[in-house]
C-alpha atoms as a PDB file:
ATOM      1  CA  UNK A   1       8.799  -4.995   7.971  1.00  0.00           C
ATOM      2  CA  UNK A   2      11.412  -7.701   8.461  1.00  0.00           C
ATOM      3  CA  UNK A   3      10.594 -11.519   7.454  1.00  0.00           C
ATOM      4  CA  UNK A   4      10.824 -12.238  11.522  1.00  0.00           C
ATOM      5  CA  UNK A   5       8.187  -9.349  12.429  1.00  0.00           C
ATOM      6  CA  UNK A   6       5.947 -10.709   9.535  1.00  0.00           C
ATOM      7  CA  UNK A   7       6.312 -14.132  10.686  1.00  0.00           C
ATOM      8  CA  UNK A   8       5.411 -13.259  14.016  1.00  0.00           C
ATOM      9  CA  UNK A   9       2.319 -11.345  13.028  1.00  0.00           C
ATOM     10  CA  UNK A  10       1.522 -15.002  11.168  1.00  0.00           C
ATOM     11  CA  UNK A  11       1.771 -16.838  14.067  1.00  0.00           C
ATOM     12  CA  UNK A  12      -0.426 -14.340  16.099  1.00  0.00           C
ATOM     13  CA  UNK A  13      -3.034 -14.825  13.413  1.00  0.00           C
ATOM     14  CA  UNK A  14      -3.138 -18.363  14.135  1.00  0.00           C
ATOM     15  CA  UNK A  15      -4.393 -17.864  17.219  1.00  0.00           C
ATOM     16  CA  UNK A  16      -7.593 -15.921  16.209  1.00  0.00           C
ATOM     17  CA  UNK A  17     -10.574 -17.733  15.328  1.00  0.00           C
ATOM     18  CA  UNK A  18     -11.075 -17.676  11.573  1.00  0.00           C
ATOM     19  CA  UNK A  19     -13.592 -16.906   9.480  1.00  0.00           C
ATOM     20  CA  UNK A  20     -14.098 -17.111   5.438  1.00  0.00           C
ATOM     21  CA  UNK A  21     -15.550 -14.714   2.825  1.00  0.00           C
ATOM     22  CA  UNK A  22     -19.081 -16.546   2.880  1.00  0.00           C
ATOM     23  CA  UNK A  23     -19.358 -15.456   6.574  1.00  0.00           C
ATOM     24  CA  UNK A  24     -18.531 -11.417   5.870  1.00  0.00           C
ATOM     25  CA  UNK A  25     -22.132 -10.540   4.398  1.00  0.00           C
ATOM     26  CA  UNK A  26     -23.231  -9.159   7.608  1.00  0.00           C
ATOM     27  CA  UNK A  27     -20.438  -7.017   7.891  1.00  0.00           C
ATOM     28  CA  UNK A  28     -19.123  -6.033   4.811  1.00  0.00           C
ATOM     29  CA  UNK A  29     -20.965  -2.220   5.572  1.00  0.00           C
ATOM     30  CA  UNK A  30     -20.974  -0.683   2.200  1.00  0.00           C
ATOM     31  CA  UNK A  31     -22.571   2.204   3.713  1.00  0.00           C
ATOM     32  CA  UNK A  32     -20.588   2.900   7.241  1.00  0.00           C
ATOM     33  CA  UNK A  33     -18.631   4.903   9.825  1.00  0.00           C
ATOM     34  CA  UNK A  34     -14.858   4.722   9.366  1.00  0.00           C
ATOM     35  CA  UNK A  35     -12.743   5.809  12.576  1.00  0.00           C
ATOM     36  CA  UNK A  36      -8.820   5.569  11.388  1.00  0.00           C
ATOM     37  CA  UNK A  37      -5.694   4.940  13.387  1.00  0.00           C
ATOM     38  CA  UNK A  38      -2.239   5.190  11.996  1.00  0.00           C
ATOM     39  CA  UNK A  39       0.902   3.907  14.035  1.00  0.00           C
ATOM     40  CA  UNK A  40       4.031   2.361  13.578  1.00  0.00           C
ATOM     41  CA  UNK A  41       4.140  -1.080  12.462  1.00  0.00           C
ATOM     42  CA  UNK A  42       6.298  -2.140  15.440  1.00  0.00           C
ATOM     43  CA  UNK A  43       3.311  -1.992  17.754  1.00  0.00           C
ATOM     44  CA  UNK A  44       0.593  -4.234  16.000  1.00  0.00           C
ATOM     45  CA  UNK A  45       2.037  -7.410  17.382  1.00  0.00           C
ATOM     46  CA  UNK A  46       0.929  -5.997  21.380  1.00  0.00           C
ATOM     47  CA  UNK A  47      -2.032  -4.870  19.846  1.00  0.00           C
ATOM     48  CA  UNK A  48      -3.337  -8.033  18.081  1.00  0.00           C
ATOM     49  CA  UNK A  49      -2.553  -9.985  21.108  1.00  0.00           C
ATOM     50  CA  UNK A  50      -4.460  -7.627  23.271  1.00  0.00           C
ATOM     51  CA  UNK A  51      -7.792  -7.885  21.012  1.00  0.00           C
ATOM     52  CA  UNK A  52      -7.536 -11.520  19.733  1.00  0.00           C
ATOM     53  CA  UNK A  53     -10.089 -12.914  22.226  1.00  0.00           C
ATOM     54  CA  UNK A  54     -13.153 -10.082  20.789  1.00  0.00           C
ATOM     55  CA  UNK A  55     -12.256 -11.078  16.751  1.00  0.00           C
ATOM     56  CA  UNK A  56     -12.325 -13.168  14.216  1.00  0.00           C
ATOM     57  CA  UNK A  57      -9.618 -13.466  11.156  1.00  0.00           C
ATOM     58  CA  UNK A  58     -10.616 -13.686   7.351  1.00  0.00           C
ATOM     59  CA  UNK A  59      -8.919 -15.992   5.583  1.00  0.00           C
ATOM     60  CA  UNK A  60      -8.806 -16.299   1.902  1.00  0.00           C
ATOM     61  CA  UNK A  61      -6.906 -19.063   0.186  1.00  0.00           C
ATOM     62  CA  UNK A  62      -5.455 -20.288   3.638  1.00  0.00           C
ATOM     63  CA  UNK A  63      -4.168 -16.865   4.337  1.00  0.00           C
ATOM     64  CA  UNK A  64      -4.679 -14.461   6.810  1.00  0.00           C
ATOM     65  CA  UNK A  65      -2.865 -11.782   5.109  1.00  0.00           C
ATOM     66  CA  UNK A  66      -4.807 -10.668   1.532  1.00  0.00           C
ATOM     67  CA  UNK A  67      -2.443  -8.582  -1.051  1.00  0.00           C
ATOM     68  CA  UNK A  68      -4.648  -5.634  -2.567  1.00  0.00           C
ATOM     69  CA  UNK A  69      -3.541  -3.466  -5.983  1.00  0.00           C
ATOM     70  CA  UNK A  70      -5.157  -0.565  -6.638  1.00  0.00           C
ATOM     71  CA  UNK A  71      -5.330   2.325  -9.267  1.00  0.00           C
ATOM     72  CA  UNK A  72      -6.896   5.579  -8.585  1.00  0.00           C
ATOM     73  CA  UNK A  73      -8.177   8.002 -11.071  1.00  0.00           C
ATOM     74  CA  UNK A  74      -8.604  11.622 -10.717  1.00  0.00           C
ATOM     75  CA  UNK A  75      -9.148  14.697 -13.256  1.00  0.00           C
ATOM     76  CA  UNK A  76      -6.370  16.809 -14.464  1.00  0.00           C
ATOM     77  CA  UNK A  77      -6.524  19.154 -11.870  1.00  0.00           C
ATOM     78  CA  UNK A  78      -6.756  16.562  -9.552  1.00  0.00           C
ATOM     79  CA  UNK A  79     -10.605  17.634  -8.270  1.00  0.00           C
ATOM     80  CA  UNK A  80     -10.968  14.240  -5.678  1.00  0.00           C
ATOM     81  CA  UNK A  81      -7.854  15.583  -4.308  1.00  0.00           C
ATOM     82  CA  UNK A  82      -8.446  19.012  -3.898  1.00  0.00           C
ATOM     83  CA  UNK A  83     -11.773  18.216  -2.383  1.00  0.00           C
ATOM     84  CA  UNK A  84     -10.314  16.089   0.360  1.00  0.00           C
ATOM     85  CA  UNK A  85      -8.004  18.525   1.049  1.00  0.00           C
ATOM     86  CA  UNK A  86     -10.415  21.489   1.279  1.00  0.00           C
ATOM     87  CA  UNK A  87     -12.435  19.479   3.750  1.00  0.00           C
ATOM     88  CA  UNK A  88     -15.490  18.886   1.626  1.00  0.00           C
ATOM     89  CA  UNK A  89     -18.016  16.597   3.140  1.00  0.00           C
ATOM     90  CA  UNK A  90     -19.632  15.254  -0.372  1.00  0.00           C
ATOM     91  CA  UNK A  91     -16.508  14.173  -2.013  1.00  0.00           C
ATOM     92  CA  UNK A  92     -15.277  11.062  -3.939  1.00  0.00           C
ATOM     93  CA  UNK A  93     -12.473   8.942  -4.828  1.00  0.00           C
ATOM     94  CA  UNK A  94     -12.355   6.229  -7.962  1.00  0.00           C
ATOM     95  CA  UNK A  95     -10.325   3.516  -8.018  1.00  0.00           C
ATOM     96  CA  UNK A  96      -9.950   0.182 -10.020  1.00  0.00           C
ATOM     97  CA  UNK A  97      -8.994  -2.686  -7.430  1.00  0.00           C
ATOM     98  CA  UNK A  98      -7.586  -5.921  -7.495  1.00  0.00           C
ATOM     99  CA  UNK A  99      -8.138  -8.304  -4.742  1.00  0.00           C
ATOM    100  CA  UNK A 100      -5.360 -10.657  -5.557  1.00  0.00           C
ATOM    101  CA  UNK A 101      -5.595 -13.441  -2.966  1.00  0.00           C
ATOM    102  CA  UNK A 102      -9.335 -14.122  -4.619  1.00  0.00           C
ATOM    103  CA  UNK A 103      -8.195 -12.811  -7.849  1.00  0.00           C
ATOM    104  CA  UNK A 104     -11.122 -10.698  -8.339  1.00  0.00           C
ATOM    105  CA  UNK A 105     -11.173  -7.227  -9.703  1.00  0.00           C
ATOM    106  CA  UNK A 106     -13.315  -4.358  -9.547  1.00  0.00           C
ATOM    107  CA  UNK A 107     -14.259  -0.690 -10.498  1.00  0.00           C
ATOM    108  CA  UNK A 108     -15.271   1.148  -7.155  1.00  0.00           C
ATOM    109  CA  UNK A 109     -16.578   4.692  -6.081  1.00  0.00           C
ATOM    110  CA  UNK A 110     -16.591   5.946  -2.570  1.00  0.00           C
ATOM    111  CA  UNK A 111     -17.737   8.638  -1.135  1.00  0.00           C
ATOM    112  CA  UNK A 112     -18.241  10.492   2.220  1.00  0.00           C
ATOM    113  CA  UNK A 113     -21.189  12.950   2.891  1.00  0.00           C
ATOM    114  CA  UNK A 114     -21.627  15.933   5.118  1.00  0.00           C
ATOM    115  CA  UNK A 115     -22.684  13.414   7.875  1.00  0.00           C
ATOM    116  CA  UNK A 116     -19.448  11.475   7.668  1.00  0.00           C
ATOM    117  CA  UNK A 117     -20.832   8.283   6.141  1.00  0.00           C
ATOM    118  CA  UNK A 118     -18.757   6.358   4.006  1.00  0.00           C
ATOM    119  CA  UNK A 119     -20.303   4.527   1.171  1.00  0.00           C
ATOM    120  CA  UNK A 120     -19.099   2.223  -1.276  1.00  0.00           C
ATOM    121  CA  UNK A 121     -20.361   1.043  -4.234  1.00  0.00           C
ATOM    122  CA  UNK A 122     -18.790  -1.371  -7.278  1.00  0.00           C
ATOM    123  CA  UNK A 123     -18.995  -3.086 -10.349  1.00  0.00           C
ATOM    124  CA  UNK A 124     -17.190  -6.300 -11.072  1.00  0.00           C
ATOM    125  CA  UNK A 125     -14.147  -5.844 -13.941  1.00  0.00           C
ATOM    126  CA  UNK A 126     -12.519  -9.221 -15.645  1.00  0.00           C
ATOM    127  CA  UNK A 127      -9.357  -7.487 -14.846  1.00  0.00           C
ATOM    128  CA  UNK A 128      -7.127  -4.348 -13.636  1.00  0.00           C
ATOM    129  CA  UNK A 129      -7.925  -3.254 -17.295  1.00  0.00           C
ATOM    130  CA  UNK A 130      -7.948   1.157 -17.598  1.00  0.00           C
ATOM    131  CA  UNK A 131      -9.439   1.170 -20.229  1.00  0.00           C
ATOM    132  CA  UNK A 132     -13.084   1.906 -19.584  1.00  0.00           C
ATOM    133  CA  UNK A 133     -15.754   0.356 -21.442  1.00  0.00           C
ATOM    134  CA  UNK A 134     -19.292   1.461 -21.805  1.00  0.00           C
ATOM    135  CA  UNK A 135     -20.631  -0.382 -18.803  1.00  0.00           C
ATOM    136  CA  UNK A 136     -18.221   1.593 -16.589  1.00  0.00           C
ATOM    137  CA  UNK A 137     -18.591   4.708 -18.104  1.00  0.00           C
ATOM    138  CA  UNK A 138     -22.072   4.718 -17.182  1.00  0.00           C
ATOM    139  CA  UNK A 139     -21.401   3.349 -13.824  1.00  0.00           C
ATOM    140  CA  UNK A 140     -19.007   6.287 -12.808  1.00  0.00           C
ATOM    141  CA  UNK A 141     -21.664   9.110 -14.366  1.00  0.00           C
ATOM    142  CA  UNK A 142     -24.245   7.408 -12.456  1.00  0.00           C
ATOM    143  CA  UNK A 143     -22.683   7.301  -9.381  1.00  0.00           C
ATOM    144  CA  UNK A 144     -20.371  10.482  -9.393  1.00  0.00           C
ATOM    145  CA  UNK A 145     -20.541  14.353 -10.900  1.00  0.00           C
ATOM    146  CA  UNK A 146     -17.632  12.963 -12.971  1.00  0.00           C
ATOM    147  CA  UNK A 147     -17.200  11.953 -16.661  1.00  0.00           C
ATOM    148  CA  UNK A 148     -14.869   9.225 -17.723  1.00  0.00           C
ATOM    149  CA  UNK A 149     -13.210  11.293 -20.647  1.00  0.00           C
ATOM    150  CA  UNK A 150     -12.429  13.702 -17.613  1.00  0.00           C
ATOM    151  CA  UNK A 151     -10.423  10.901 -15.826  1.00  0.00           C
ATOM    152  CA  UNK A 152      -6.643   9.649 -15.764  1.00  0.00           C
ATOM    153  CA  UNK A 153      -4.677   7.314 -13.436  1.00  0.00           C
ATOM    154  CA  UNK A 154      -2.725   9.552 -10.924  1.00  0.00           C
ATOM    155  CA  UNK A 155      -1.196   6.981  -8.477  1.00  0.00           C
ATOM    156  CA  UNK A 156      -1.096   3.073  -7.919  1.00  0.00           C
ATOM    157  CA  UNK A 157      -0.689   1.343  -4.511  1.00  0.00           C
ATOM    158  CA  UNK A 158      -0.237  -2.039  -3.244  1.00  0.00           C
ATOM    159  CA  UNK A 159      -0.429  -3.197   0.171  1.00  0.00           C
ATOM    160  CA  UNK A 160      -1.152  -6.268   2.620  1.00  0.00           C
ATOM    161  CA  UNK A 161      -4.246  -6.252   4.684  1.00  0.00           C
ATOM    162  CA  UNK A 162      -5.806  -8.321   7.673  1.00  0.00           C
ATOM    163  CA  UNK A 163      -9.506  -8.335   7.984  1.00  0.00           C
ATOM    164  CA  UNK A 164     -10.655  -8.558  11.681  1.00  0.00           C
ATOM    165  CA  UNK A 165     -14.390  -9.335  12.641  1.00  0.00           C
ATOM    166  CA  UNK A 166     -16.009  -8.867  15.909  1.00  0.00           C
ATOM    167  CA  UNK A 167     -17.468 -11.935  17.221  1.00  0.00           C
ATOM    168  CA  UNK A 168     -20.613 -10.361  19.312  1.00  0.00           C
ATOM    169  CA  UNK A 169     -20.963  -7.028  17.535  1.00  0.00           C
ATOM    170  CA  UNK A 170     -21.143  -5.871  14.014  1.00  0.00           C
ATOM    171  CA  UNK A 171     -17.905  -4.403  13.598  1.00  0.00           C
ATOM    172  CA  UNK A 172     -15.133  -5.086  11.386  1.00  0.00           C
ATOM    173  CA  UNK A 173     -11.512  -4.077  11.459  1.00  0.00           C
ATOM    174  CA  UNK A 174      -8.804  -3.632   8.600  1.00  0.00           C
ATOM    175  CA  UNK A 175      -5.210  -3.228   9.419  1.00  0.00           C
ATOM    176  CA  UNK A 176      -3.337  -2.068   6.217  1.00  0.00           C
ATOM    177  CA  UNK A 177       0.552  -2.204   5.971  1.00  0.00           C
ATOM    178  CA  UNK A 178       3.573  -2.920   3.717  1.00  0.00           C
ATOM    179  CA  UNK A 179       2.192   0.275   1.941  1.00  0.00           C
ATOM    180  CA  UNK A 180       3.595   1.124  -1.746  1.00  0.00           C
ATOM    181  CA  UNK A 181       2.842   3.726  -4.329  1.00  0.00           C
ATOM    182  CA  UNK A 182       3.599   5.012  -7.885  1.00  0.00           C
ATOM    183  CA  UNK A 183       3.121   7.819  -9.636  1.00  0.00           C
ATOM    184  CA  UNK A 184       1.538   7.087 -12.709  1.00  0.00           C
ATOM    185  CA  UNK A 185       2.766   9.891 -14.741  1.00  0.00           C
ATOM    186  CA  UNK A 186       6.555  10.463 -13.503  1.00  0.00           C
ATOM    187  CA  UNK A 187       6.798   6.875 -12.250  1.00  0.00           C
ATOM    188  CA  UNK A 188       8.056   8.083  -9.082  1.00  0.00           C
ATOM    189  CA  UNK A 189       7.869   5.512  -6.173  1.00  0.00           C
ATOM    190  CA  UNK A 190       7.649   5.419  -2.368  1.00  0.00           C
ATOM    191  CA  UNK A 191       7.345   2.832   0.260  1.00  0.00           C
ATOM    192  CA  UNK A 192       5.745   3.560   3.724  1.00  0.00           C
ATOM    193  CA  UNK A 193       7.332   0.086   5.381  1.00  0.00           C
ATOM    194  CA  UNK A 194       6.767   1.588   8.792  1.00  0.00           C
ATOM    195  CA  UNK A 195       2.971   2.530   8.431  1.00  0.00           C
ATOM    196  CA  UNK A 196       0.302   0.569   9.815  1.00  0.00           C
ATOM    197  CA  UNK A 197      -3.146   1.310   8.958  1.00  0.00           C
ATOM    198  CA  UNK A 198      -5.655   0.570  11.517  1.00  0.00           C
ATOM    199  CA  UNK A 199      -9.594   1.456  10.428  1.00  0.00           C
ATOM    200  CA  UNK A 200     -12.776   0.447  12.500  1.00  0.00           C
ATOM    201  CA  UNK A 201     -15.955  -0.073  10.421  1.00  0.00           C
ATOM    202  CA  UNK A 202     -19.210  -0.015  11.827  1.00  0.00           C
ATOM    203  CA  UNK A 203     -22.700   0.603  10.565  1.00  0.00           C
ATOM    204  CA  UNK A 204     -23.600   3.067  13.283  1.00  0.00           C
ATOM    205  CA  UNK A 205     -21.793   5.338  15.720  1.00  0.00           C
ATOM    206  CA  UNK A 206     -22.334   2.810  18.480  1.00  0.00           C
ATOM    207  CA  UNK A 207     -18.753   2.654  20.266  1.00  0.00           C
ATOM    208  CA  UNK A 208     -16.781  -1.008  21.199  1.00  0.00           C
ATOM    209  CA  UNK A 209     -15.914   0.254  24.354  1.00  0.00           C
ATOM    210  CA  UNK A 210     -13.626  -2.585  25.238  1.00  0.00           C
ATOM    211  CA  UNK A 211     -11.859  -2.073  22.110  1.00  0.00           C
ATOM    212  CA  UNK A 212     -11.234   1.887  22.851  1.00  0.00           C
ATOM    213  CA  UNK A 213      -9.474   1.120  26.299  1.00  0.00           C
ATOM    214  CA  UNK A 214      -7.179  -0.938  24.534  1.00  0.00           C
ATOM    215  CA  UNK A 215      -6.329   1.414  21.980  1.00  0.00           C
ATOM    216  CA  UNK A 216      -5.953   4.163  24.490  1.00  0.00           C
ATOM    217  CA  UNK A 217      -4.039   1.477  26.859  1.00  0.00           C
ATOM    218  CA  UNK A 218      -1.487   1.271  23.857  1.00  0.00           C
ATOM    219  CA  UNK A 219      -1.628   4.698  23.449  1.00  0.00           C
ATOM    220  CA  UNK A 220      -3.330   4.617  20.159  1.00  0.00           C
ATOM    221  CA  UNK A 221      -5.690   7.684  18.830  1.00  0.00           C
ATOM    222  CA  UNK A 222      -7.972   8.507  15.730  1.00  0.00           C
ATOM    223  CA  UNK A 223      -5.783  10.092  12.857  1.00  0.00           C
ATOM    224  CA  UNK A 224      -7.366  10.697   9.696  1.00  0.00           C
ATOM    225  CA  UNK A 225      -4.950   9.073   6.629  1.00  0.00           C
ATOM    226  CA  UNK A 226      -6.603   8.760   3.049  1.00  0.00           C
ATOM    227  CA  UNK A 227      -4.195   6.502   1.126  1.00  0.00           C
ATOM    228  CA  UNK A 228      -5.176   8.292  -1.939  1.00  0.00           C
ATOM    229  CA  UNK A 229      -4.467  11.857  -0.646  1.00  0.00           C
ATOM    230  CA  UNK A 230      -1.235  10.881   1.305  1.00  0.00           C
ATOM    231  CA  UNK A 231      -0.016   9.246  -1.603  1.00  0.00           C
ATOM    232  CA  UNK A 232      -0.267  11.920  -4.181  1.00  0.00           C
ATOM    233  CA  UNK A 233       0.654  14.915  -1.401  1.00  0.00           C
ATOM    234  CA  UNK A 234       3.916  12.624  -0.874  1.00  0.00           C
ATOM    235  CA  UNK A 235       4.793  12.209  -4.611  1.00  0.00           C
ATOM    236  CA  UNK A 236       3.822  15.774  -5.659  1.00  0.00           C
ATOM    237  CA  UNK A 237       5.076  17.853  -2.914  1.00  0.00           C
ATOM    238  CA  UNK A 238       4.380  21.042  -5.127  1.00  0.00           C
ATOM    239  CA  UNK A 239       0.569  20.404  -4.447  1.00  0.00           C
ATOM    240  CA  UNK A 240      -0.974  22.044  -2.181  1.00  0.00           C
ATOM    241  CA  UNK A 241      -1.116  20.307   1.447  1.00  0.00           C
ATOM    242  CA  UNK A 242      -1.923  22.511   3.938  1.00  0.00           C
ATOM    243  CA  UNK A 243      -4.690  20.572   5.426  1.00  0.00           C
ATOM    244  CA  UNK A 244      -2.133  17.364   5.838  1.00  0.00           C
ATOM    245  CA  UNK A 245       0.510  19.182   7.292  1.00  0.00           C
ATOM    246  CA  UNK A 246      -0.046  18.353  10.997  1.00  0.00           C
ATOM    247  CA  UNK A 247      -0.603  14.749   9.888  1.00  0.00           C
ATOM    248  CA  UNK A 248       2.688  14.598   8.215  1.00  0.00           C
ATOM    249  CA  UNK A 249       4.168  16.143  10.906  1.00  0.00           C
ATOM    250  CA  UNK A 250       3.243  13.358  13.418  1.00  0.00           C
ATOM    251  CA  UNK A 251       3.985  10.712  10.985  1.00  0.00           C
ATOM    252  CA  UNK A 252       7.536  12.010  10.530  1.00  0.00           C
ATOM    253  CA  UNK A 253       7.733  12.671  14.230  1.00  0.00           C
ATOM    254  CA  UNK A 254       6.722   8.484  14.821  1.00  0.00           C
ATOM    255  CA  UNK A 255       9.210   7.423  11.897  1.00  0.00           C
ATOM    256  CA  UNK A 256       6.371   6.359   9.687  1.00  0.00           C
ATOM    257  CA  UNK A 257       7.599   8.724   6.779  1.00  0.00           C
ATOM    258  CA  UNK A 258      10.669  10.360   6.611  1.00  0.00           C
END
């Protein structure tokens, strides 16, 4: 994204009503329903203008754009990647994440069950330390079928995030962009500067028909996108990725990836 485009987005975000972290408790949704949309970053400005009357924007340390850094863990056989690829509903992601603007660090376990419910559990860390402690070992063993002794770092990613909160209904939107990956083993890097991942997070299947209409008007439709799985697939092209090929084709057609 160009500096001019980023500045334009910042100017639009300044027209939203602000909200702070202390006001976010009602929409943290550690157990939720997720709907994802992926589109070219050039379409974000129009979309923000179309929905700004419905949402507040989260500010942290006087910024509406938050920076994230994440390290993902998997087994040597990439069992968690394979779970997702094979369409298993009871699946897991294990990651350590730094919330850079607020200088917070967490070890997080994300699960999705056979009803499509996403849950996230986390424990606070002192840093983005990749050496598991006894406490984190127990956390992983309690929350997943995996053991830390069998885990290794697979990929790292960085991205920028905008968080919107509906002013009337319990609904949160995260907008991720400026996404980049690095393979922890090979050191191979990949940037997706044109990708914009728009994710609606709700505590139920209830619909926001006004938002649905805006997305449809902008010709933006649901499209699955796991940052972990897409990063692994793009950095390890020899892996089985049949399940992701239709999505990859769409992303190439829209010039989101090359």
